[in-house]
C-alpha cells in the first residue's frame, strides 16, 4: 500500500499496488502492445488516457482556452469535476469482459484476459509478512501493463452515455459541442443547462449498477463561469457538490475565472526548488557540468514542467527560478551567458529546459 494525501489512518487514503510475476508481465505487455494499436479507433477523442497521440495536456489546454473564451465572450456555464471513489479497484470483471466483447474484441483476445483475471488471487504484505490468499473479484491491478488501457475501455460506455444525454456547451465559429474531457477516471463535465446535472446522476446510476462504480459527490467540485449560471433544484446527492468561481484543481493545475494563472499554482514551488537544490549543494564539487544539468532537468525542473506547460507564471517567479538555476550551475563565475546553457548539446549548450 502506498500513501496518498489525507488522513493516513483512513484505509481509503492508501493506494494498493500489485507486485506481479515476470511471466505475467510478459504476457500482459504483449497484449497491451496489440491493444494499443486500436485504442484510438474505439475510444472517443475526449478521453486521452493511454491512447497513443493524446496527452494530458489536451485536457488542460481545453480547460484553459474554454475559460478564456467564456470570460472574453461573456458565456455562462459550469465545469463539474467528478470524483470517482476507488475507480480502478471497483471495476467489475464481468462488466469489463462484456464491454470488450461489445466493442468487437474477439473471443480469443477476451480469453487471454480471462486467464489473467479469472479466479485470480492475491496476497497482502502486512508488517513484512504475507496474508492468506484473497480472491481478486474486481478491479484492475495498478502495476499491470494493461490496467490503464482496460480502465479506459471500461469507462467508455459511461462517457458515451453522458455524451448522448447531456446538452453540453455549443460553441459557434467553428460549430462544436463540448460535453466532457476525461483522463482515466478524472472526468470534467461542461454544463450549460442546469438540468444536465439531473441527467448526470441518472447516467451515474446506470453505470454504477453495471460495474459497481461510485461517484463521491462530496469530493466533487464545480467551477461557475459567468454570472448568469446557477444550479437550482438539484437532487439531494448533488447538493453536496462544492460550487465556486475558483480555483478548481483539475489534473494537478488550478483554474479560476478571476485569474488567468491562479497564484495557487505557484505558491510554495520556489521553496520546493530551493529545498531540492540544497540537498545537492554538498555534492557540487563531485558533479561535472553535465551532471549538474542532469540534476536540474530530471530532479528539480521536472516539478515545474506540468504547470509551466499549461499556464504563464508571474514574471518574478521566473526571475527567481532563473537565479536559483544559475546559482546552482555556476556557484562562482558565470563562464558563458545564461542563454548558451539552454542550447542543445550539439549546439554547445547544456540542454537546460527552463
Protein backbone atom coordinates (compact mmCIF):
# COMPACT_ATOMS: atom_id res chain seq x y z
CA UNK A 1 0.00 0.00 0.00
CA UNK A 2 1.32 3.43 -0.94
CA UNK A 3 0.10 6.51 0.96
CA UNK A 4 -1.95 9.18 -0.77
CA UNK A 5 -2.90 12.58 0.65
CA UNK A 6 -5.23 12.94 3.62
CA UNK A 7 -5.53 11.14 6.94
CA UNK A 8 -3.38 8.01 6.68
CA UNK A 9 -5.40 6.37 9.47
CA UNK A 10 -8.17 6.03 6.87
CA UNK A 11 -7.59 2.95 4.70
CA UNK A 12 -9.18 4.75 1.73
CA UNK A 13 -6.17 7.08 1.63
CA UNK A 14 -3.82 4.24 0.72
CA UNK A 15 -3.28 3.00 -2.84
CA UNK A 16 -2.75 -0.73 -3.41
CA UNK A 17 -0.03 -1.55 -5.94
CA UNK A 18 0.32 -5.11 -7.25
CA UNK A 19 3.69 -6.85 -7.48
CA UNK A 20 3.34 -9.27 -10.39
CA UNK A 21 5.50 -12.13 -11.64
CA UNK A 22 7.70 -11.73 -14.70
CA UNK A 23 5.80 -14.24 -16.84
CA UNK A 24 2.53 -12.43 -16.12
CA UNK A 25 4.07 -9.10 -17.12
CA UNK A 26 5.47 -10.52 -20.37
CA UNK A 27 2.04 -11.81 -21.42
CA UNK A 28 0.28 -8.63 -20.26
CA UNK A 29 2.77 -6.42 -22.10
CA UNK A 30 2.33 -8.38 -25.33
CA UNK A 31 -1.45 -7.97 -25.11
CA UNK A 32 -1.02 -4.30 -24.25
CA UNK A 33 1.03 -3.67 -27.39
CA UNK A 34 -1.65 -5.33 -29.53
CA UNK A 35 -4.39 -3.34 -27.81
CA UNK A 36 -2.50 -0.07 -28.19
CA UNK A 37 -2.87 -0.12 -31.98
CA UNK A 38 -6.69 0.02 -31.91
CA UNK A 39 -7.48 2.19 -28.88
CA UNK A 40 -7.82 5.39 -30.91
CA UNK A 41 -10.47 3.70 -33.08
CA UNK A 42 -12.55 2.63 -30.09
CA UNK A 43 -12.19 5.45 -27.55
CA UNK A 44 -13.62 8.92 -28.19
CA UNK A 45 -11.11 11.79 -28.63
CA UNK A 46 -12.21 13.46 -25.39
CA UNK A 47 -10.66 10.57 -23.40
CA UNK A 48 -6.88 10.99 -23.53
CA UNK A 49 -5.61 8.36 -21.06
CA UNK A 50 -3.33 5.65 -22.55
CA UNK A 51 -4.41 6.46 -26.12
CA UNK A 52 -1.44 6.98 -28.50
CA UNK A 53 -1.24 10.52 -29.85
CA UNK A 54 -3.19 12.02 -26.95
CA UNK A 55 -1.78 13.56 -23.79
CA UNK A 56 -2.95 15.03 -20.51
CA UNK A 57 -2.17 18.47 -21.93
CA UNK A 58 -5.04 18.11 -24.41
CA UNK A 59 -7.38 18.26 -21.40
CA UNK A 60 -5.52 21.07 -19.67
CA UNK A 61 -5.33 23.25 -22.78
CA UNK A 62 -9.04 22.70 -23.41
CA UNK A 63 -9.98 23.91 -19.93
CA UNK A 64 -7.60 26.87 -20.10
CA UNK A 65 -8.87 28.00 -23.51
CA UNK A 66 -12.51 27.39 -22.61
CA UNK A 67 -12.25 29.61 -19.53
CA UNK A 68 -10.53 32.31 -21.56
CA UNK A 69 -13.25 32.11 -24.21
CA UNK A 70 -16.01 32.20 -21.60
CA UNK A 71 -14.62 35.31 -19.92
CA UNK A 72 -13.99 37.04 -23.26
CA UNK A 73 -17.41 36.35 -24.80
CA UNK A 74 -19.49 36.53 -21.62
CA UNK A 75 -20.60 32.88 -21.69
CA UNK A 76 -22.41 31.29 -18.74
CA UNK A 77 -21.69 27.65 -17.93
CA UNK A 78 -20.06 25.47 -15.29
CA UNK A 79 -17.30 22.88 -15.13
CA UNK A 80 -18.01 19.88 -12.91
CA UNK A 81 -15.12 17.66 -11.83
CA UNK A 82 -16.36 14.20 -10.80
CA UNK A 83 -14.51 12.38 -8.03
CA UNK A 84 -14.78 8.62 -8.51
CA UNK A 85 -14.26 6.53 -5.41
CA UNK A 86 -11.59 3.81 -5.83
CA UNK A 87 -12.18 3.87 -9.58
CA UNK A 88 -9.60 1.24 -10.60
CA UNK A 89 -10.31 -1.02 -7.62
CA UNK A 90 -14.11 -1.21 -8.03
CA UNK A 91 -14.20 -2.32 -11.68
CA UNK A 92 -16.30 -5.49 -12.04
CA UNK A 93 -14.58 -8.18 -14.13
CA UNK A 94 -17.79 -9.44 -15.72
CA UNK A 95 -18.65 -5.92 -16.83
CA UNK A 96 -15.11 -5.39 -18.15
CA UNK A 97 -15.10 -8.54 -20.27
CA UNK A 98 -18.63 -7.81 -21.51
CA UNK A 99 -17.54 -4.33 -22.55
CA UNK A 100 -14.64 -5.74 -24.55
CA UNK A 101 -16.98 -8.12 -26.37
CA UNK A 102 -19.40 -5.26 -27.10
CA UNK A 103 -16.54 -3.27 -28.64
CA UNK A 104 -15.86 -6.16 -31.01
CA UNK A 105 -12.83 -7.81 -29.42
CA UNK A 106 -12.77 -11.47 -30.40
CA UNK A 107 -13.19 -14.49 -28.12
CA UNK A 108 -9.50 -15.39 -28.29
CA UNK A 109 -8.40 -11.92 -27.15
CA UNK A 110 -11.01 -11.83 -24.37
CA UNK A 111 -9.95 -15.35 -23.41
CA UNK A 112 -6.39 -14.18 -22.74
CA UNK A 113 -7.75 -11.55 -20.36
CA UNK A 114 -9.90 -14.14 -18.63
CA UNK A 115 -6.78 -16.19 -18.00
CA UNK A 116 -5.12 -13.16 -16.38
CA UNK A 117 -8.10 -12.10 -14.26
CA UNK A 118 -10.49 -15.03 -13.75
CA UNK A 119 -10.06 -16.89 -10.44
CA UNK A 120 -7.04 -14.73 -9.61
CA UNK A 121 -5.84 -14.45 -6.03
CA UNK A 122 -3.55 -12.01 -4.27
CA UNK A 123 -1.62 -11.89 -1.03
CA UNK A 124 -1.31 -8.73 1.05
CA UNK A 125 2.08 -7.93 2.53
CA UNK A 126 1.48 -6.58 6.03
CA UNK A 127 4.27 -5.90 8.53
CA UNK A 128 6.71 -7.86 6.35
CA UNK A 129 4.52 -10.98 6.33
CA UNK A 130 2.09 -12.28 3.71
CA UNK A 131 -1.56 -12.93 4.46
CA UNK A 132 -3.55 -15.91 3.25
CA UNK A 133 -4.68 -15.75 -0.41
CA UNK A 134 -7.51 -13.29 -1.07
CA UNK A 135 -9.87 -13.73 -4.03
CA UNK A 136 -9.40 -10.99 -6.63
CA UNK A 137 -13.02 -10.49 -7.68
CA UNK A 138 -12.96 -6.95 -9.03
CA UNK A 139 -10.62 -4.14 -10.00
CA UNK A 140 -7.74 -3.78 -12.44
CA UNK A 141 -4.29 -4.17 -10.90
CA UNK A 142 -2.32 -0.95 -10.52
CA UNK A 143 1.05 -2.25 -11.61
CA UNK A 144 -0.24 -4.32 -14.53
CA UNK A 145 0.78 -3.09 -18.04
CA UNK A 146 -2.86 -3.49 -19.13
CA UNK A 147 -4.61 -1.69 -16.28
CA UNK A 148 -4.75 1.80 -17.80
CA UNK A 149 -5.95 0.60 -21.19
CA UNK A 150 -8.57 -1.69 -19.68
CA UNK A 151 -9.89 1.10 -17.49
CA UNK A 152 -10.14 3.50 -20.44
CA UNK A 153 -12.20 0.89 -22.29
CA UNK A 154 -14.34 0.10 -19.24
CA UNK A 155 -15.32 3.72 -18.56
CA UNK A 156 -16.06 4.49 -22.21
CA UNK A 157 -19.72 3.28 -22.07
CA UNK A 158 -20.36 5.70 -19.19
CA UNK A 159 -18.78 8.54 -21.15
CA UNK A 160 -20.81 7.62 -24.23
CA UNK A 161 -23.98 7.74 -22.15
CA UNK A 162 -23.04 11.22 -20.92
CA UNK A 163 -22.36 12.40 -24.47
CA UNK A 164 -25.78 11.19 -25.59
CA UNK A 165 -27.79 12.51 -22.64
CA UNK A 166 -26.15 15.85 -21.84
CA UNK A 167 -26.64 19.07 -23.77
CA UNK A 168 -23.14 20.36 -23.06
CA UNK A 169 -21.94 23.71 -24.37
CA UNK A 170 -22.41 24.61 -28.03
CA UNK A 171 -19.81 26.97 -29.47
CA UNK A 172 -20.01 28.72 -32.82
CA UNK A 173 -17.31 29.52 -35.38
CA UNK A 174 -16.47 26.70 -35.63
CA UNK A 175 -19.59 24.79 -34.65
CA UNK A 176 -18.58 22.43 -31.87
CA UNK A 177 -20.36 20.82 -28.92
CA UNK A 178 -18.35 20.29 -25.75
CA UNK A 179 -19.67 17.80 -23.22
CA UNK A 180 -16.71 16.42 -21.29
CA UNK A 181 -12.97 15.92 -21.04
CA UNK A 182 -11.61 12.76 -19.44
CA UNK A 183 -8.23 11.48 -18.33
CA UNK A 184 -8.82 7.99 -16.89
CA UNK A 185 -11.31 8.48 -14.04
CA UNK A 186 -10.79 12.27 -13.90
CA UNK A 187 -13.94 13.33 -15.74
CA UNK A 188 -14.72 17.02 -16.24
CA UNK A 189 -18.22 17.90 -17.48
CA UNK A 190 -19.15 21.10 -19.31
CA UNK A 191 -22.63 22.10 -18.12
CA UNK A 192 -24.67 24.96 -19.57
CA UNK A 193 -28.18 23.64 -18.90
CA UNK A 194 -28.61 23.05 -15.11
CA UNK A 195 -30.96 20.16 -15.93
CA UNK A 196 -27.89 18.32 -17.21
CA UNK A 197 -26.89 17.80 -13.57
CA UNK A 198 -30.00 15.69 -13.01
CA UNK A 199 -29.14 13.69 -16.11
CA UNK A 200 -25.61 13.16 -14.78
CA UNK A 201 -26.98 11.48 -11.67
CA UNK A 202 -29.23 9.25 -13.79
CA UNK A 203 -26.30 8.23 -16.01
CA UNK A 204 -24.17 7.52 -12.98
CA UNK A 205 -26.88 5.29 -11.50
CA UNK A 206 -26.93 3.18 -14.68
CA UNK A 207 -23.13 2.93 -14.75
CA UNK A 208 -22.94 2.08 -11.05
CA UNK A 209 -25.47 -0.73 -11.43
CA UNK A 210 -23.42 -2.21 -14.27
CA UNK A 211 -19.91 -2.13 -12.83
CA UNK A 212 -20.12 -1.15 -9.12
CA UNK A 213 -18.56 2.28 -9.74
CA UNK A 214 -19.38 5.07 -7.33
CA UNK A 215 -19.07 8.86 -7.55
CA UNK A 216 -18.21 10.73 -4.37
CA UNK A 217 -20.37 13.84 -4.72
CA UNK A 218 -18.93 15.37 -1.53
CA UNK A 219 -15.43 15.46 -3.06
CA UNK A 220 -16.70 16.54 -6.49
CA UNK A 221 -16.36 20.25 -7.21
CA UNK A 222 -17.67 22.74 -9.73
CA UNK A 223 -16.36 25.96 -11.26
CA UNK A 224 -19.01 28.53 -12.22
CA UNK A 225 -18.23 30.68 -15.28
CA UNK A 226 -20.32 33.81 -15.83
CA UNK A 227 -22.89 35.50 -13.62
CA UNK A 228 -25.91 34.01 -15.38
CA UNK A 229 -25.37 30.36 -14.44
CA UNK A 230 -26.71 28.86 -11.25
CA UNK A 231 -27.65 25.38 -10.11
CA UNK A 232 -31.19 25.10 -8.81
CA UNK A 233 -33.46 22.24 -7.72
CA UNK A 234 -30.61 19.76 -7.51
CA UNK A 235 -31.20 16.18 -6.35
CA UNK A 236 -30.13 15.59 -2.72
CA UNK A 237 -26.93 13.76 -3.72
CA UNK A 238 -25.74 16.61 -5.95
CA UNK A 239 -26.35 19.26 -3.31
CA UNK A 240 -23.06 18.20 -1.70
CA UNK A 241 -21.04 19.48 -4.69
CA UNK A 242 -18.84 22.48 -3.88
CA UNK A 243 -19.56 25.27 -6.39
CA UNK A 244 -17.32 28.34 -6.62
CA UNK A 245 -15.68 30.78 -9.01
CA UNK A 246 -12.39 29.04 -8.38
CA UNK A 247 -9.83 27.89 -8.03
CA UNK A 248 -10.68 24.41 -9.33
CA UNK A 249 -7.94 21.78 -9.16
CA UNK A 250 -8.02 19.61 -12.28
CA UNK A 251 -5.23 17.20 -13.23
CA UNK A 252 -2.74 18.94 -10.98
CA UNK A 253 -3.41 22.50 -12.18
CA UNK A 254 -5.56 25.19 -10.56
CA UNK A 255 -8.01 27.04 -12.80
CA UNK A 256 -10.07 30.11 -11.97
CA UNK A 257 -12.40 32.59 -13.65
CA UNK A 258 -10.90 35.51 -11.75
CA UNK A 259 -7.24 34.98 -12.65
CA UNK A 260 -5.72 33.55 -15.86
CA UNK A 261 -2.88 32.00 -13.85
CA UNK A 262 -4.11 31.40 -10.27
CA UNK A 263 -1.40 32.07 -7.67
CA UNK A 264 -2.19 28.71 -6.01
CA UNK A 265 -0.22 27.11 -8.84
CA UNK A 266 3.00 28.85 -7.82
CA UNK A 267 2.76 29.14 -4.03
CA UNK A 268 5.44 27.06 -2.38
CA UNK A 269 7.07 25.90 -5.62
CA UNK A 270 10.06 28.19 -5.21
CA UNK A 271 10.63 26.81 -1.72
CA UNK A 272 10.45 23.24 -3.01
CA UNK A 273 13.01 24.04 -5.71
CA UNK A 274 15.30 25.64 -3.13
CA UNK A 275 14.99 22.63 -0.83
CA UNK A 276 15.74 20.18 -3.64
CA UNK A 277 18.82 22.18 -4.71
CA UNK A 278 20.05 22.45 -1.14
CA UNK A 279 20.11 18.67 -0.90
CA UNK A 280 22.62 18.55 -3.78
CA UNK A 281 24.78 21.51 -2.74
CA UNK A 282 27.24 19.34 -0.81
CA UNK A 283 27.85 17.23 -3.92
CA UNK A 284 28.50 20.11 -6.32
CA UNK A 285 32.27 19.55 -6.31
CA UNK A 286 31.72 15.95 -7.38
CA UNK A 287 29.38 16.87 -10.24
CA UNK A 288 30.53 17.73 -13.72
CA UNK A 289 28.71 20.43 -15.68
CA UNK A 290 26.77 17.71 -17.45
CA UNK A 291 25.91 16.14 -14.10
CA UNK A 292 24.59 19.47 -12.80
CA UNK A 293 22.43 19.87 -15.89
CA UNK A 294 21.08 16.36 -15.38
CA UNK A 295 20.20 17.08 -11.74
CA UNK A 296 18.44 20.31 -12.73
CA UNK A 297 16.44 18.79 -15.58
CA UNK A 298 15.49 15.45 -14.05
CA UNK A 299 15.19 16.14 -10.32
CA UNK A 300 14.41 19.84 -9.95
CA UNK A 301 12.78 21.37 -13.02
CA UNK A 302 10.63 18.29 -13.58
CA UNK A 303 8.48 19.52 -10.66
CA UNK A 304 7.53 22.59 -12.71
CA UNK A 305 7.02 21.38 -16.27
CA UNK A 306 3.41 20.26 -15.80
CA UNK A 307 2.16 23.70 -14.79
CA UNK A 308 4.63 25.70 -16.87
CA UNK A 309 3.39 23.85 -19.97
CA UNK A 310 -0.17 24.96 -19.19
CA UNK A 311 -0.09 28.44 -17.65
CA UNK A 312 2.15 31.51 -17.69
CA UNK A 313 3.77 32.07 -14.28
CA UNK A 314 4.27 35.51 -12.71
CA UNK A 315 7.39 37.33 -14.01
CA UNK A 316 9.01 37.45 -10.57
CA UNK A 317 8.61 33.67 -10.25
CA UNK A 318 10.53 33.10 -13.47
CA UNK A 319 13.22 35.59 -12.47
CA UNK A 320 13.75 33.92 -9.09
CA UNK A 321 13.75 30.48 -10.71
CA UNK A 322 16.39 31.55 -13.22
CA UNK A 323 18.51 32.94 -10.40
CA UNK A 324 18.33 29.65 -8.47
CA UNK A 325 19.20 27.59 -11.56
CA UNK A 326 22.20 29.70 -12.49
CA UNK A 327 23.37 29.82 -8.88
CA UNK A 328 23.41 26.03 -8.77
CA UNK A 329 25.04 25.56 -12.17
CA UNK A 330 27.61 28.37 -11.74
CA UNK A 331 28.29 28.79 -7.97
CA UNK A 332 31.08 31.23 -8.80
CA UNK A 333 31.90 32.99 -12.03
CA UNK A 334 29.49 32.57 -14.96
CA UNK A 335 31.75 31.49 -17.79
CA UNK A 336 29.12 31.83 -20.53
CA UNK A 337 25.82 33.67 -20.83
CA UNK A 338 22.66 32.07 -19.47
CA UNK A 339 21.19 31.69 -22.94
CA UNK A 340 24.00 29.38 -24.01
CA UNK A 341 23.19 26.90 -21.23
CA UNK A 342 19.71 26.36 -22.68
CA UNK A 343 21.02 25.42 -26.12
CA UNK A 344 21.09 21.71 -27.10
CA UNK A 345 24.32 19.80 -26.54
CA UNK A 346 25.10 19.64 -30.26
CA UNK A 347 24.99 23.44 -30.38
CA UNK A 348 27.41 23.91 -27.49
CA UNK A 349 24.86 24.26 -24.69
CA UNK A 350 23.91 22.10 -21.72
CA UNK A 351 20.25 21.47 -22.63
CA UNK A 352 18.72 23.15 -19.58
CA UNK A 353 14.97 23.07 -20.07
CA UNK A 354 13.97 26.17 -18.11
